[in-house]
Protein backbone atom coordinates (compact mmCIF):
# COMPACT_ATOMS: atom_id res chain seq x y z
CA MET A 1 111.83 158.36 105.70
CA THR A 2 114.13 160.16 103.28
CA VAL A 3 117.84 160.01 103.05
CA LYS A 4 119.97 162.87 101.92
CA THR A 5 122.68 162.10 99.41
CA ALA A 6 125.15 164.21 97.28
CA VAL A 7 125.67 163.24 93.67
CA SER A 8 127.93 164.74 91.04
CA VAL A 9 126.46 165.26 87.56
CA PRO A 10 127.78 167.03 84.50
CA ASP A 11 126.78 170.81 84.34
CA ASP A 12 124.66 170.31 81.07
CA LEU A 13 122.68 167.46 82.63
CA TYR A 14 122.20 169.50 85.93
CA ASP A 15 120.76 172.36 83.70
CA ARG A 16 118.45 170.22 81.95
CA ALA A 17 117.26 168.61 85.10
CA GLU A 18 116.58 172.02 86.54
CA GLN A 19 114.66 172.99 83.65
CA ALA A 20 112.62 169.69 83.70
CA ALA A 21 111.86 170.07 87.35
CA LYS A 22 110.54 173.72 86.77
CA GLN A 23 108.31 172.39 83.97
CA LEU A 24 107.05 169.54 85.99
CA GLY A 25 106.47 171.76 88.96
CA VAL A 26 108.55 169.58 91.28
CA ASN A 27 111.79 170.25 93.25
CA ARG A 28 115.04 168.82 92.34
CA SER A 29 114.85 166.02 94.89
CA GLN A 30 111.58 164.91 93.68
CA LEU A 31 112.72 164.94 90.12
CA TYR A 32 115.78 162.89 90.99
CA ALA A 33 113.82 160.52 92.97
CA ARG A 34 111.30 159.84 90.23
CA ALA A 35 114.01 159.43 87.73
CA LEU A 36 115.92 156.97 89.74
CA ALA A 37 112.70 155.03 90.64
CA LYS A 38 111.75 154.80 86.80
CA TYR A 39 115.36 153.73 85.98
CA LEU A 40 115.41 150.98 88.56
CA GLN A 41 111.97 149.81 87.43
CA ASP A 42 113.08 149.75 83.62
CA ILE A 43 116.32 147.77 84.45
CA GLY A 44 114.13 145.12 86.37
CA PRO A 45 115.18 142.93 89.20
CA ASP A 46 118.86 141.46 89.45
CA PRO A 47 118.86 138.09 87.91
CA VAL A 48 121.66 136.89 90.04
CA THR A 49 119.70 138.02 93.29
CA ASP A 50 116.60 136.38 92.00
CA ARG A 51 118.44 132.99 91.30
CA LEU A 52 120.14 133.08 94.78
CA ASN A 53 116.66 133.69 96.39
CA GLU A 54 115.24 130.75 94.35
CA LEU A 55 118.07 128.50 95.67
CA ALA A 56 117.58 129.55 99.17
CA ALA A 57 113.88 128.87 99.03
CA GLU A 58 114.58 125.35 97.70
CA HIS A 59 117.13 124.72 100.28
CA THR A 60 114.90 125.68 103.09
CA LYS A 61 112.19 123.44 101.68
CA GLU A 62 114.60 120.56 101.71
CA ARG A 63 116.05 121.02 105.10
CA THR A 64 114.68 121.74 108.66
CA ALA A 65 115.70 125.04 110.37
CA ARG A 66 117.86 122.91 112.65
CA GLU A 67 119.81 121.21 109.81
CA SER A 68 120.20 124.54 108.11
CA SER A 69 121.32 126.23 111.16
CA ALA A 70 123.90 123.35 111.73
CA ALA A 71 125.24 123.67 108.23
CA ALA A 72 125.60 127.44 108.40
CA ARG A 73 127.54 127.14 111.72
CA PHE A 74 129.94 124.50 110.34
CA MET A 75 130.65 126.78 107.22
CA ILE A 76 131.46 129.88 109.52
CA ASP A 77 133.47 127.91 111.97
CA SER A 78 135.36 126.05 109.17
CA GLY A 79 136.35 129.29 107.53
CA VAL A 80 134.65 128.11 104.24
CA TRP A 81 132.33 131.11 104.30
CA GLU A 82 134.80 133.84 103.72
CA TRP A 83 134.73 136.47 100.95
């Protein structure tokens, strides 16, 4: 599945991207998708998300599903879990 999106880029970057797409024999969407995938690979995973996932995994090991559900329900009902 693909999703259409609109992005704004400076004119000079657009021109360079168009030239690169022609040289590579791909369309603009393919070039942008490849570039974004490469960028995301280069920056690596988000350390905050990784740590939260680790903590969640530790929590589920320590508590049963019933205990976790009860704790989550308490937080929601008490209003503690508000952004």
